[in-house]
């Protein structure tokens, strides 16, 4: 059974995934997330309520995946705002914008992060009231984003199901499942929909170096749900395609440019090239909120550079020579020309 990746936890310990009139916005609550850095060895939930811990949870990948980051940031902003000590509406909004800007700076590539925070700020600023009314609007908007994400995942699953047939082999990269969203996932949503429909699929999960999200997270959540899954090294994907084991590739994305170029976890680009060579359809599964119309093409998508220790160390032990140069981009960009189509909550489309 897949646990909720992101939710709102009230002071009384009640979990919420949608707006509810029973919630009192004056009683501070928490954004409740799974600490994904500990999976699969340990399952642990953590409660966050201040700017620094929400920022650090996103930065260190305790919560990751573009939709889940957006949901967590929105709920985290609401939790932080409940603890503001300010005298009036203008001071409250100033603190809100400052906190949102701080949280937005935690990771640069996933567009859902800025989209969710800016949506919450805009909705709150439209409220003419103060005190509990401002907090209520903010919390309801954050919970609405989460509820919409859950519904969006279900819709992506239904639409992606039309591409799948019994016995197919599905290759995916990184984790774009329940652990990456508020619901059942983006790239894995069609897999779960197929399972519910009684189709037998075999999923090949790339390990996804250097942080092994495919081996640690995708394989874990699929096995928890009873889906037939095999983990392979990233370098094995083309050979697995050549052997005829893969019928379709479905991955997620953290940002898609206006022309359809898609930024996803590093290693996705080479999969698209291999899929094109082997005449295997390559799909990006995304909500429309992941499309950034302000960016014309993939060359303008900011690519996060992560710490060299992710490559030079393993389990706390250094595995490379001292003083070696390291290049560690977290994402690459797949050109739209290599993408067969996009599985969205509005349907499967060949172009954005």
C-alpha atoms as a PDB file:
ATOM      1  CA  UNK A   1       0.000   0.000   0.000  1.00  0.00           C
ATOM      2  CA  UNK A   2       1.350   3.421  -0.964  1.00  0.00           C
ATOM      3  CA  UNK A   3       1.470   5.938   1.909  1.00  0.00           C
ATOM      4  CA  UNK A   4       0.686   9.628   1.446  1.00  0.00           C
ATOM      5  CA  UNK A   5       3.893  11.441   0.559  1.00  0.00           C
ATOM      6  CA  UNK A   6       2.694  14.910   1.599  1.00  0.00           C
ATOM      7  CA  UNK A   7      -0.216  15.926   3.834  1.00  0.00           C
ATOM      8  CA  UNK A   8      -1.340  18.465   6.419  1.00  0.00           C
ATOM      9  CA  UNK A   9      -1.206  17.365  10.060  1.00  0.00           C
ATOM     10  CA  UNK A  10      -3.302  19.305  12.550  1.00  0.00           C
ATOM     11  CA  UNK A  11      -2.174  20.002  16.098  1.00  0.00           C
ATOM     12  CA  UNK A  12      -4.539  17.200  17.176  1.00  0.00           C
ATOM     13  CA  UNK A  13      -2.777  14.757  14.855  1.00  0.00           C
ATOM     14  CA  UNK A  14      -5.524  14.565  12.215  1.00  0.00           C
ATOM     15  CA  UNK A  15      -4.350  14.214   8.594  1.00  0.00           C
ATOM     16  CA  UNK A  16      -5.852  16.356   5.801  1.00  0.00           C
ATOM     17  CA  UNK A  17      -5.353  16.184   2.022  1.00  0.00           C
ATOM     18  CA  UNK A  18      -8.041  18.710   1.010  1.00  0.00           C
ATOM     19  CA  UNK A  19      -9.670  21.879   2.400  1.00  0.00           C
ATOM     20  CA  UNK A  20     -11.953  21.125   5.340  1.00  0.00           C
ATOM     21  CA  UNK A  21     -14.212  23.496   7.297  1.00  0.00           C
ATOM     22  CA  UNK A  22     -13.281  21.623  10.483  1.00  0.00           C
ATOM     23  CA  UNK A  23      -9.756  23.035  10.306  1.00  0.00           C
ATOM     24  CA  UNK A  24      -9.127  26.062  12.535  1.00  0.00           C
ATOM     25  CA  UNK A  25      -6.408  28.128  10.824  1.00  0.00           C
ATOM     26  CA  UNK A  26      -5.515  29.846  14.108  1.00  0.00           C
ATOM     27  CA  UNK A  27      -4.302  26.550  15.581  1.00  0.00           C
ATOM     28  CA  UNK A  28      -0.833  25.938  14.107  1.00  0.00           C
ATOM     29  CA  UNK A  29      -0.417  22.695  12.168  1.00  0.00           C
ATOM     30  CA  UNK A  30       2.375  21.050  10.219  1.00  0.00           C
ATOM     31  CA  UNK A  31       3.339  19.861   6.764  1.00  0.00           C
ATOM     32  CA  UNK A  32       3.856  16.115   7.189  1.00  0.00           C
ATOM     33  CA  UNK A  33       6.215  14.367   4.736  1.00  0.00           C
ATOM     34  CA  UNK A  34       8.029  11.073   4.308  1.00  0.00           C
ATOM     35  CA  UNK A  35      11.788  11.518   4.749  1.00  0.00           C
ATOM     36  CA  UNK A  36      12.806   9.937   1.454  1.00  0.00           C
ATOM     37  CA  UNK A  37      16.516  10.113   2.230  1.00  0.00           C
ATOM     38  CA  UNK A  38      16.002   7.147   4.592  1.00  0.00           C
ATOM     39  CA  UNK A  39      14.157   4.864   2.143  1.00  0.00           C
ATOM     40  CA  UNK A  40      14.083   1.964   1.620  1.00  0.00           C
ATOM     41  CA  UNK A  41      15.869   1.061   4.844  1.00  0.00           C
ATOM     42  CA  UNK A  42      13.693   3.145   7.154  1.00  0.00           C
ATOM     43  CA  UNK A  43      10.203   4.595   6.798  1.00  0.00           C
ATOM     44  CA  UNK A  44       9.897   7.811   8.788  1.00  0.00           C
ATOM     45  CA  UNK A  45       7.526  10.789   8.655  1.00  0.00           C
ATOM     46  CA  UNK A  46       8.690  14.240   9.751  1.00  0.00           C
ATOM     47  CA  UNK A  47       6.700  17.322  10.733  1.00  0.00           C
ATOM     48  CA  UNK A  48       7.833  20.733   9.462  1.00  0.00           C
ATOM     49  CA  UNK A  49       6.639  24.166  10.569  1.00  0.00           C
ATOM     50  CA  UNK A  50       9.409  26.769  10.174  1.00  0.00           C
ATOM     51  CA  UNK A  51      11.115  28.222   7.099  1.00  0.00           C
ATOM     52  CA  UNK A  52      14.530  26.669   7.696  1.00  0.00           C
ATOM     53  CA  UNK A  53      13.327  23.076   8.139  1.00  0.00           C
ATOM     54  CA  UNK A  54      10.972  23.303   5.139  1.00  0.00           C
ATOM     55  CA  UNK A  55      13.811  24.756   3.033  1.00  0.00           C
ATOM     56  CA  UNK A  56      16.255  22.077   4.175  1.00  0.00           C
ATOM     57  CA  UNK A  57      13.752  19.248   3.564  1.00  0.00           C
ATOM     58  CA  UNK A  58      13.410  20.369  -0.058  1.00  0.00           C
ATOM     59  CA  UNK A  59      17.119  21.080  -0.507  1.00  0.00           C
ATOM     60  CA  UNK A  60      18.357  17.752   0.882  1.00  0.00           C
ATOM     61  CA  UNK A  61      15.671  15.775  -1.024  1.00  0.00           C
ATOM     62  CA  UNK A  62      13.710  14.605   2.000  1.00  0.00           C
ATOM     63  CA  UNK A  63      10.818  15.590  -0.258  1.00  0.00           C
ATOM     64  CA  UNK A  64      11.489  15.516  -4.016  1.00  0.00           C
ATOM     65  CA  UNK A  65       9.672  15.280  -7.319  1.00  0.00           C
ATOM     66  CA  UNK A  66       8.291  18.472  -8.832  1.00  0.00           C
ATOM     67  CA  UNK A  67       4.592  18.059  -7.813  1.00  0.00           C
ATOM     68  CA  UNK A  68       5.450  16.881  -4.278  1.00  0.00           C
ATOM     69  CA  UNK A  69       7.856  19.784  -3.817  1.00  0.00           C
ATOM     70  CA  UNK A  70       5.124  22.224  -4.848  1.00  0.00           C
ATOM     71  CA  UNK A  71       2.599  20.677  -2.438  1.00  0.00           C
ATOM     72  CA  UNK A  72       5.087  20.555   0.428  1.00  0.00           C
ATOM     73  CA  UNK A  73       6.204  24.145  -0.127  1.00  0.00           C
ATOM     74  CA  UNK A  74       2.619  25.431  -0.209  1.00  0.00           C
ATOM     75  CA  UNK A  75       1.664  23.602   2.993  1.00  0.00           C
ATOM     76  CA  UNK A  76       4.988  24.573   4.547  1.00  0.00           C
ATOM     77  CA  UNK A  77       4.316  28.228   3.777  1.00  0.00           C
ATOM     78  CA  UNK A  78       0.939  27.935   5.524  1.00  0.00           C
ATOM     79  CA  UNK A  79       2.547  26.327   8.574  1.00  0.00           C
ATOM     80  CA  UNK A  80       5.185  29.058   8.744  1.00  0.00           C
ATOM     81  CA  UNK A  81       2.557  31.798   8.395  1.00  0.00           C
ATOM     82  CA  UNK A  82       0.574  30.415  11.324  1.00  0.00           C
ATOM     83  CA  UNK A  83       3.607  31.209  13.462  1.00  0.00           C
ATOM     84  CA  UNK A  84       4.230  34.765  12.260  1.00  0.00           C
ATOM     85  CA  UNK A  85       4.329  37.373  15.018  1.00  0.00           C
ATOM     86  CA  UNK A  86       3.230  40.484  13.155  1.00  0.00           C
ATOM     87  CA  UNK A  87       0.758  43.229  14.112  1.00  0.00           C
ATOM     88  CA  UNK A  88      -1.216  43.763  10.907  1.00  0.00           C
ATOM     89  CA  UNK A  89      -2.169  42.709   7.393  1.00  0.00           C
ATOM     90  CA  UNK A  90       0.631  44.502   5.528  1.00  0.00           C
ATOM     91  CA  UNK A  91       3.271  43.159   7.897  1.00  0.00           C
ATOM     92  CA  UNK A  92       1.810  39.672   7.499  1.00  0.00           C
ATOM     93  CA  UNK A  93       1.960  39.867   3.701  1.00  0.00           C
ATOM     94  CA  UNK A  94       5.522  41.186   3.805  1.00  0.00           C
ATOM     95  CA  UNK A  95       6.586  38.217   5.950  1.00  0.00           C
ATOM     96  CA  UNK A  96       4.658  35.878   3.659  1.00  0.00           C
ATOM     97  CA  UNK A  97       6.421  37.118   0.514  1.00  0.00           C
ATOM     98  CA  UNK A  98       9.815  36.976   2.217  1.00  0.00           C
ATOM     99  CA  UNK A  99       9.260  33.411   3.410  1.00  0.00           C
ATOM    100  CA  UNK A 100       7.965  32.317  -0.002  1.00  0.00           C
ATOM    101  CA  UNK A 101      11.039  33.789  -1.731  1.00  0.00           C
ATOM    102  CA  UNK A 102      13.301  31.945   0.692  1.00  0.00           C
ATOM    103  CA  UNK A 103      11.547  28.604   0.113  1.00  0.00           C
ATOM    104  CA  UNK A 104      11.537  29.185  -3.658  1.00  0.00           C
ATOM    105  CA  UNK A 105      15.333  29.479  -3.634  1.00  0.00           C
ATOM    106  CA  UNK A 106      15.769  25.939  -2.291  1.00  0.00           C
ATOM    107  CA  UNK A 107      15.808  24.267  -5.745  1.00  0.00           C
ATOM    108  CA  UNK A 108      15.904  26.089  -9.093  1.00  0.00           C
ATOM    109  CA  UNK A 109      14.776  23.569 -11.728  1.00  0.00           C
ATOM    110  CA  UNK A 110      11.344  22.275 -10.650  1.00  0.00           C
ATOM    111  CA  UNK A 111       8.799  24.879 -11.756  1.00  0.00           C
ATOM    112  CA  UNK A 112       6.037  23.540  -9.472  1.00  0.00           C
ATOM    113  CA  UNK A 113       7.882  24.989  -6.490  1.00  0.00           C
ATOM    114  CA  UNK A 114       7.629  28.607  -7.640  1.00  0.00           C
ATOM    115  CA  UNK A 115       4.187  28.021  -9.189  1.00  0.00           C
ATOM    116  CA  UNK A 116       2.665  26.767  -5.921  1.00  0.00           C
ATOM    117  CA  UNK A 117       4.262  29.416  -3.710  1.00  0.00           C
ATOM    118  CA  UNK A 118       3.286  32.276  -6.024  1.00  0.00           C
ATOM    119  CA  UNK A 119      -0.252  30.942  -6.309  1.00  0.00           C
ATOM    120  CA  UNK A 120      -0.581  30.879  -2.509  1.00  0.00           C
ATOM    121  CA  UNK A 121       0.798  34.397  -2.170  1.00  0.00           C
ATOM    122  CA  UNK A 122      -1.465  35.754  -4.902  1.00  0.00           C
ATOM    123  CA  UNK A 123      -4.589  34.183  -3.398  1.00  0.00           C
ATOM    124  CA  UNK A 124      -3.759  35.454   0.081  1.00  0.00           C
ATOM    125  CA  UNK A 125      -3.028  38.990  -1.131  1.00  0.00           C
ATOM    126  CA  UNK A 126      -6.515  39.103  -2.695  1.00  0.00           C
ATOM    127  CA  UNK A 127      -8.030  38.712   0.772  1.00  0.00           C
ATOM    128  CA  UNK A 128      -8.988  42.076   2.249  1.00  0.00           C
ATOM    129  CA  UNK A 129      -9.336  40.754   5.784  1.00  0.00           C
ATOM    130  CA  UNK A 130      -6.749  39.985   8.408  1.00  0.00           C
ATOM    131  CA  UNK A 131      -5.856  37.504  11.108  1.00  0.00           C
ATOM    132  CA  UNK A 132      -7.761  34.238  10.851  1.00  0.00           C
ATOM    133  CA  UNK A 133      -9.201  35.179   7.452  1.00  0.00           C
ATOM    134  CA  UNK A 134      -5.745  35.542   5.872  1.00  0.00           C
ATOM    135  CA  UNK A 135      -4.542  32.308   7.448  1.00  0.00           C
ATOM    136  CA  UNK A 136      -7.693  30.501   6.374  1.00  0.00           C
ATOM    137  CA  UNK A 137      -7.348  31.596   2.750  1.00  0.00           C
ATOM    138  CA  UNK A 138      -3.676  30.582   2.702  1.00  0.00           C
ATOM    139  CA  UNK A 139      -4.235  27.153   4.264  1.00  0.00           C
ATOM    140  CA  UNK A 140      -7.222  26.395   2.033  1.00  0.00           C
ATOM    141  CA  UNK A 141      -5.235  27.340  -1.071  1.00  0.00           C
ATOM    142  CA  UNK A 142      -2.335  25.103  -0.054  1.00  0.00           C
ATOM    143  CA  UNK A 143      -4.701  22.201   0.598  1.00  0.00           C
ATOM    144  CA  UNK A 144      -6.483  22.892  -2.698  1.00  0.00           C
ATOM    145  CA  UNK A 145      -3.130  22.536  -4.494  1.00  0.00           C
ATOM    146  CA  UNK A 146      -2.637  19.158  -2.800  1.00  0.00           C
ATOM    147  CA  UNK A 147      -6.178  17.986  -3.612  1.00  0.00           C
ATOM    148  CA  UNK A 148      -5.778  19.079  -7.222  1.00  0.00           C
ATOM    149  CA  UNK A 149      -2.478  17.225  -7.455  1.00  0.00           C
ATOM    150  CA  UNK A 150      -4.112  14.003  -6.242  1.00  0.00           C
ATOM    151  CA  UNK A 151      -6.900  14.367  -8.823  1.00  0.00           C
ATOM    152  CA  UNK A 152      -4.367  15.287 -11.515  1.00  0.00           C
ATOM    153  CA  UNK A 153      -2.389  12.093 -10.870  1.00  0.00           C
ATOM    154  CA  UNK A 154      -5.540  10.003 -11.233  1.00  0.00           C
ATOM    155  CA  UNK A 155      -6.350  11.732 -14.530  1.00  0.00           C
ATOM    156  CA  UNK A 156      -2.817  11.185 -15.872  1.00  0.00           C
ATOM    157  CA  UNK A 157      -3.174   7.535 -14.935  1.00  0.00           C
ATOM    158  CA  UNK A 158      -6.460   7.175 -16.818  1.00  0.00           C
ATOM    159  CA  UNK A 159      -5.106   8.935 -19.895  1.00  0.00           C
ATOM    160  CA  UNK A 160      -1.825   7.022 -19.898  1.00  0.00           C
ATOM    161  CA  UNK A 161      -3.660   3.725 -19.555  1.00  0.00           C
ATOM    162  CA  UNK A 162      -4.781   4.110 -23.183  1.00  0.00           C
ATOM    163  CA  UNK A 163      -1.141   3.596 -24.255  1.00  0.00           C
ATOM    164  CA  UNK A 164      -0.649   0.329 -22.375  1.00  0.00           C
ATOM    165  CA  UNK A 165      -1.499  -3.276 -23.186  1.00  0.00           C
ATOM    166  CA  UNK A 166      -1.303  -6.486 -21.212  1.00  0.00           C
ATOM    167  CA  UNK A 167       2.222  -7.901 -21.041  1.00  0.00           C
ATOM    168  CA  UNK A 168       4.071  -4.713 -21.979  1.00  0.00           C
ATOM    169  CA  UNK A 169       7.489  -3.802 -20.662  1.00  0.00           C
ATOM    170  CA  UNK A 170       7.716  -0.244 -19.308  1.00  0.00           C
ATOM    171  CA  UNK A 171      11.001   1.543 -18.672  1.00  0.00           C
ATOM    172  CA  UNK A 172      11.131   4.505 -16.305  1.00  0.00           C
ATOM    173  CA  UNK A 173      13.874   6.686 -14.861  1.00  0.00           C
ATOM    174  CA  UNK A 174      14.286   8.277 -11.433  1.00  0.00           C
ATOM    175  CA  UNK A 175      11.051   8.380  -9.417  1.00  0.00           C
ATOM    176  CA  UNK A 176       7.878   9.927 -10.787  1.00  0.00           C
ATOM    177  CA  UNK A 177       5.465   7.893  -8.717  1.00  0.00           C
ATOM    178  CA  UNK A 178       3.556   8.444  -5.492  1.00  0.00           C
ATOM    179  CA  UNK A 179       6.743   9.520  -3.722  1.00  0.00           C
ATOM    180  CA  UNK A 180       7.143  12.387  -6.200  1.00  0.00           C
ATOM    181  CA  UNK A 181       3.587  13.735  -5.983  1.00  0.00           C
ATOM    182  CA  UNK A 182       0.649  14.245  -3.688  1.00  0.00           C
ATOM    183  CA  UNK A 183      -1.177  11.364  -5.376  1.00  0.00           C
ATOM    184  CA  UNK A 184      -0.237   8.194  -7.267  1.00  0.00           C
ATOM    185  CA  UNK A 185       2.406   9.821  -9.441  1.00  0.00           C
ATOM    186  CA  UNK A 186       2.893  11.042 -12.997  1.00  0.00           C
ATOM    187  CA  UNK A 187       5.025   8.526 -14.912  1.00  0.00           C
ATOM    188  CA  UNK A 188       3.891   5.681 -12.661  1.00  0.00           C
ATOM    189  CA  UNK A 189       0.227   6.720 -12.613  1.00  0.00           C
ATOM    190  CA  UNK A 190      -0.537   4.776 -15.829  1.00  0.00           C
ATOM    191  CA  UNK A 191       1.200   1.737 -14.312  1.00  0.00           C
ATOM    192  CA  UNK A 192      -1.033   1.880 -11.249  1.00  0.00           C
ATOM    193  CA  UNK A 193      -4.087   2.435 -13.456  1.00  0.00           C
ATOM    194  CA  UNK A 194      -3.096  -0.621 -15.499  1.00  0.00           C
ATOM    195  CA  UNK A 195      -2.682  -2.678 -12.343  1.00  0.00           C
ATOM    196  CA  UNK A 196      -6.153  -1.635 -11.210  1.00  0.00           C
ATOM    197  CA  UNK A 197      -7.533  -2.595 -14.646  1.00  0.00           C
ATOM    198  CA  UNK A 198      -6.009  -6.052 -14.381  1.00  0.00           C
ATOM    199  CA  UNK A 199      -3.206  -5.586 -16.917  1.00  0.00           C
ATOM    200  CA  UNK A 200       0.090  -7.346 -16.291  1.00  0.00           C
ATOM    201  CA  UNK A 201       3.066  -5.059 -16.870  1.00  0.00           C
ATOM    202  CA  UNK A 202       6.752  -5.456 -16.195  1.00  0.00           C
ATOM    203  CA  UNK A 203       8.475  -2.251 -15.131  1.00  0.00           C
ATOM    204  CA  UNK A 204      12.206  -1.718 -15.578  1.00  0.00           C
ATOM    205  CA  UNK A 205      13.433   0.880 -13.103  1.00  0.00           C
ATOM    206  CA  UNK A 206      16.742   2.596 -13.899  1.00  0.00           C
ATOM    207  CA  UNK A 207      18.835   2.888 -10.744  1.00  0.00           C
ATOM    208  CA  UNK A 208      19.335   6.634 -11.471  1.00  0.00           C
ATOM    209  CA  UNK A 209      22.829   7.632 -10.424  1.00  0.00           C
ATOM    210  CA  UNK A 210      24.142   9.279  -8.348  1.00  0.00           C
ATOM    211  CA  UNK A 211      21.371   9.272  -5.701  1.00  0.00           C
ATOM    212  CA  UNK A 212      19.664   6.062  -6.838  1.00  0.00           C
ATOM    213  CA  UNK A 213      16.082   7.340  -6.788  1.00  0.00           C
ATOM    214  CA  UNK A 214      15.072   4.571  -9.175  1.00  0.00           C
ATOM    215  CA  UNK A 215      16.679   1.789  -7.154  1.00  0.00           C
ATOM    216  CA  UNK A 216      15.737   3.185  -3.742  1.00  0.00           C
ATOM    217  CA  UNK A 217      12.363   4.801  -4.374  1.00  0.00           C
ATOM    218  CA  UNK A 218      10.682   3.592  -7.567  1.00  0.00           C
ATOM    219  CA  UNK A 219      11.516  -0.054  -6.933  1.00  0.00           C
ATOM    220  CA  UNK A 220      10.396   0.311  -3.300  1.00  0.00           C
ATOM    221  CA  UNK A 221       7.015   1.873  -3.995  1.00  0.00           C
ATOM    222  CA  UNK A 222       6.223  -0.447  -6.920  1.00  0.00           C
ATOM    223  CA  UNK A 223       7.111  -3.533  -4.888  1.00  0.00           C
ATOM    224  CA  UNK A 224       5.024  -2.186  -2.001  1.00  0.00           C
ATOM    225  CA  UNK A 225       2.092  -2.033  -4.421  1.00  0.00           C
ATOM    226  CA  UNK A 226       2.643  -5.489  -5.870  1.00  0.00           C
ATOM    227  CA  UNK A 227       3.845  -4.324  -9.307  1.00  0.00           C
ATOM    228  CA  UNK A 228       6.360  -6.560 -11.125  1.00  0.00           C
ATOM    229  CA  UNK A 229       9.556  -4.479 -11.155  1.00  0.00           C
ATOM    230  CA  UNK A 230      13.213  -5.059 -12.075  1.00  0.00           C
ATOM    231  CA  UNK A 231      15.960  -2.571 -11.266  1.00  0.00           C
ATOM    232  CA  UNK A 232      18.723  -2.107 -13.850  1.00  0.00           C
ATOM    233  CA  UNK A 233      21.861   0.025 -13.940  1.00  0.00           C
ATOM    234  CA  UNK A 234      21.509   3.196 -16.011  1.00  0.00           C
ATOM    235  CA  UNK A 235      24.113   1.875 -18.450  1.00  0.00           C
ATOM    236  CA  UNK A 236      21.999  -1.230 -19.159  1.00  0.00           C
ATOM    237  CA  UNK A 237      18.960   0.543 -20.598  1.00  0.00           C
ATOM    238  CA  UNK A 238      19.959   0.467 -24.281  1.00  0.00           C
ATOM    239  CA  UNK A 239      20.814  -3.226 -24.070  1.00  0.00           C
ATOM    240  CA  UNK A 240      17.484  -4.007 -22.398  1.00  0.00           C
ATOM    241  CA  UNK A 241      15.777  -2.138 -25.248  1.00  0.00           C
ATOM    242  CA  UNK A 242      17.819  -4.080 -27.807  1.00  0.00           C
ATOM    243  CA  UNK A 243      16.700  -7.362 -26.234  1.00  0.00           C
ATOM    244  CA  UNK A 244      13.075  -6.381 -26.876  1.00  0.00           C
ATOM    245  CA  UNK A 245      12.116  -6.141 -23.217  1.00  0.00           C
ATOM    246  CA  UNK A 246      10.907  -2.531 -23.418  1.00  0.00           C
ATOM    247  CA  UNK A 247       7.746  -1.533 -25.303  1.00  0.00           C
ATOM    248  CA  UNK A 248       7.379   2.015 -23.977  1.00  0.00           C
ATOM    249  CA  UNK A 249       9.371   4.546 -21.949  1.00  0.00           C
ATOM    250  CA  UNK A 250       7.487   6.821 -19.538  1.00  0.00           C
ATOM    251  CA  UNK A 251       9.300   9.393 -17.405  1.00  0.00           C
ATOM    252  CA  UNK A 252       8.322  12.544 -15.548  1.00  0.00           C
ATOM    253  CA  UNK A 253       9.740  16.064 -15.805  1.00  0.00           C
ATOM    254  CA  UNK A 254      10.541  18.929 -13.471  1.00  0.00           C
ATOM    255  CA  UNK A 255      10.051  21.646 -16.075  1.00  0.00           C
ATOM    256  CA  UNK A 256       8.896  21.688 -19.686  1.00  0.00           C
ATOM    257  CA  UNK A 257       9.665  24.678 -21.904  1.00  0.00           C
ATOM    258  CA  UNK A 258       7.123  26.289 -24.231  1.00  0.00           C
ATOM    259  CA  UNK A 259       8.449  24.316 -27.212  1.00  0.00           C
ATOM    260  CA  UNK A 260       8.180  20.962 -25.393  1.00  0.00           C
ATOM    261  CA  UNK A 261      11.815  20.475 -24.356  1.00  0.00           C
ATOM    262  CA  UNK A 262      11.747  18.667 -21.011  1.00  0.00           C
ATOM    263  CA  UNK A 263      14.122  18.826 -18.047  1.00  0.00           C
ATOM    264  CA  UNK A 264      14.171  15.625 -16.025  1.00  0.00           C
ATOM    265  CA  UNK A 265      16.623  13.751 -13.820  1.00  0.00           C
ATOM    266  CA  UNK A 266      20.082  13.392 -15.325  1.00  0.00           C
ATOM    267  CA  UNK A 267      20.212  10.369 -17.616  1.00  0.00           C
ATOM    268  CA  UNK A 268      16.826  10.935 -19.248  1.00  0.00           C
ATOM    269  CA  UNK A 269      18.265  12.467 -22.422  1.00  0.00           C
ATOM    270  CA  UNK A 270      20.311   9.374 -23.255  1.00  0.00           C
ATOM    271  CA  UNK A 271      17.219   7.188 -22.757  1.00  0.00           C
ATOM    272  CA  UNK A 272      15.319   9.272 -25.287  1.00  0.00           C
ATOM    273  CA  UNK A 273      18.138   8.874 -27.809  1.00  0.00           C
ATOM    274  CA  UNK A 274      18.242   5.094 -27.262  1.00  0.00           C
ATOM    275  CA  UNK A 275      14.447   4.843 -27.501  1.00  0.00           C
ATOM    276  CA  UNK A 276      14.465   6.781 -30.790  1.00  0.00           C
ATOM    277  CA  UNK A 277      17.096   4.437 -32.242  1.00  0.00           C
ATOM    278  CA  UNK A 278      15.125   1.337 -31.212  1.00  0.00           C
ATOM    279  CA  UNK A 279      11.792   2.815 -32.376  1.00  0.00           C
ATOM    280  CA  UNK A 280      10.323   2.700 -28.884  1.00  0.00           C
ATOM    281  CA  UNK A 281       7.768   5.417 -27.971  1.00  0.00           C
ATOM    282  CA  UNK A 282       9.071   7.883 -25.371  1.00  0.00           C
ATOM    283  CA  UNK A 283       6.505   9.749 -23.260  1.00  0.00           C
ATOM    284  CA  UNK A 284       6.741  12.517 -20.675  1.00  0.00           C
ATOM    285  CA  UNK A 285       4.024  12.376 -17.987  1.00  0.00           C
ATOM    286  CA  UNK A 286       3.344  15.802 -16.460  1.00  0.00           C
ATOM    287  CA  UNK A 287       0.632  18.064 -15.127  1.00  0.00           C
ATOM    288  CA  UNK A 288       0.140  21.277 -17.082  1.00  0.00           C
ATOM    289  CA  UNK A 289       1.549  23.186 -14.090  1.00  0.00           C
ATOM    290  CA  UNK A 290       4.983  21.788 -15.020  1.00  0.00           C
ATOM    291  CA  UNK A 291       4.940  23.671 -18.348  1.00  0.00           C
ATOM    292  CA  UNK A 292       6.793  26.976 -18.108  1.00  0.00           C
ATOM    293  CA  UNK A 293       5.522  29.157 -20.950  1.00  0.00           C
ATOM    294  CA  UNK A 294       7.959  31.914 -19.976  1.00  0.00           C
ATOM    295  CA  UNK A 295      10.873  29.785 -21.182  1.00  0.00           C
ATOM    296  CA  UNK A 296      10.972  29.384 -24.993  1.00  0.00           C
ATOM    297  CA  UNK A 297      13.132  26.256 -25.110  1.00  0.00           C
ATOM    298  CA  UNK A 298      15.237  23.927 -23.018  1.00  0.00           C
ATOM    299  CA  UNK A 299      18.423  25.976 -23.295  1.00  0.00           C
ATOM    300  CA  UNK A 300      16.900  28.533 -20.906  1.00  0.00           C
ATOM    301  CA  UNK A 301      15.899  26.012 -18.204  1.00  0.00           C
ATOM    302  CA  UNK A 302      18.092  26.512 -15.104  1.00  0.00           C
ATOM    303  CA  UNK A 303      19.943  23.286 -14.278  1.00  0.00           C
ATOM    304  CA  UNK A 304      20.681  22.637 -10.629  1.00  0.00           C
ATOM    305  CA  UNK A 305      24.295  21.796  -9.807  1.00  0.00           C
ATOM    306  CA  UNK A 306      24.625  19.606  -6.737  1.00  0.00           C
ATOM    307  CA  UNK A 307      27.462  18.935  -4.312  1.00  0.00           C
ATOM    308  CA  UNK A 308      30.387  16.835  -5.535  1.00  0.00           C
ATOM    309  CA  UNK A 309      30.089  14.548  -2.493  1.00  0.00           C
ATOM    310  CA  UNK A 310      27.093  12.875  -4.124  1.00  0.00           C
ATOM    311  CA  UNK A 311      29.554  11.398  -6.638  1.00  0.00           C
ATOM    312  CA  UNK A 312      32.794  11.144  -4.660  1.00  0.00           C
ATOM    313  CA  UNK A 313      31.373   9.367  -1.599  1.00  0.00           C
ATOM    314  CA  UNK A 314      29.166   6.324  -0.984  1.00  0.00           C
ATOM    315  CA  UNK A 315      27.694   5.415   2.410  1.00  0.00           C
ATOM    316  CA  UNK A 316      29.904   8.068   3.981  1.00  0.00           C
ATOM    317  CA  UNK A 317      33.121   6.675   2.482  1.00  0.00           C
ATOM    318  CA  UNK A 318      35.116   8.418  -0.245  1.00  0.00           C
ATOM    319  CA  UNK A 319      35.279   6.337  -3.434  1.00  0.00           C
ATOM    320  CA  UNK A 320      37.243   8.657  -5.734  1.00  0.00           C
ATOM    321  CA  UNK A 321      40.740  10.199  -5.581  1.00  0.00           C
ATOM    322  CA  UNK A 322      41.241  13.375  -3.597  1.00  0.00           C
ATOM    323  CA  UNK A 323      41.151  16.676  -5.505  1.00  0.00           C
ATOM    324  CA  UNK A 324      39.505  15.116  -8.570  1.00  0.00           C
ATOM    325  CA  UNK A 325      37.293  17.446 -10.597  1.00  0.00           C
ATOM    326  CA  UNK A 326      33.569  16.703 -10.390  1.00  0.00           C
ATOM    327  CA  UNK A 327      30.666  17.851 -12.569  1.00  0.00           C
ATOM    328  CA  UNK A 328      27.273  17.017 -11.043  1.00  0.00           C
ATOM    329  CA  UNK A 329      24.222  18.446 -12.861  1.00  0.00           C
ATOM    330  CA  UNK A 330      21.004  17.097 -11.347  1.00  0.00           C
ATOM    331  CA  UNK A 331      19.036  17.322 -14.610  1.00  0.00           C
ATOM    332  CA  UNK A 332      19.387  17.146 -18.362  1.00  0.00           C
ATOM    333  CA  UNK A 333      17.099  18.434 -21.110  1.00  0.00           C
ATOM    334  CA  UNK A 334      15.449  16.138 -23.649  1.00  0.00           C
ATOM    335  CA  UNK A 335      14.612  17.919 -26.927  1.00  0.00           C
ATOM    336  CA  UNK A 336      10.975  17.845 -27.994  1.00  0.00           C
ATOM    337  CA  UNK A 337      12.027  16.126 -31.236  1.00  0.00           C
ATOM    338  CA  UNK A 338      12.815  12.971 -29.224  1.00  0.00           C
ATOM    339  CA  UNK A 339       9.523  12.982 -27.298  1.00  0.00           C
ATOM    340  CA  UNK A 340       6.641  10.950 -28.742  1.00  0.00           C
ATOM    341  CA  UNK A 341       4.036  12.694 -26.611  1.00  0.00           C
ATOM    342  CA  UNK A 342       3.014  14.115 -23.258  1.00  0.00           C
ATOM    343  CA  UNK A 343       0.629  12.365 -20.883  1.00  0.00           C
ATOM    344  CA  UNK A 344      -1.265  15.088 -19.033  1.00  0.00           C
ATOM    345  CA  UNK A 345      -4.365  15.438 -16.905  1.00  0.00           C
ATOM    346  CA  UNK A 346      -6.125  16.795 -20.009  1.00  0.00           C
ATOM    347  CA  UNK A 347      -5.171  13.910 -22.291  1.00  0.00           C
ATOM    348  CA  UNK A 348      -2.254  12.552 -24.312  1.00  0.00           C
ATOM    349  CA  UNK A 349      -0.885  15.158 -26.717  1.00  0.00           C
ATOM    350  CA  UNK A 350       1.915  15.065 -29.272  1.00  0.00           C
ATOM    351  CA  UNK A 351       2.946  18.682 -28.670  1.00  0.00           C
ATOM    352  CA  UNK A 352       2.659  21.201 -25.843  1.00  0.00           C
END
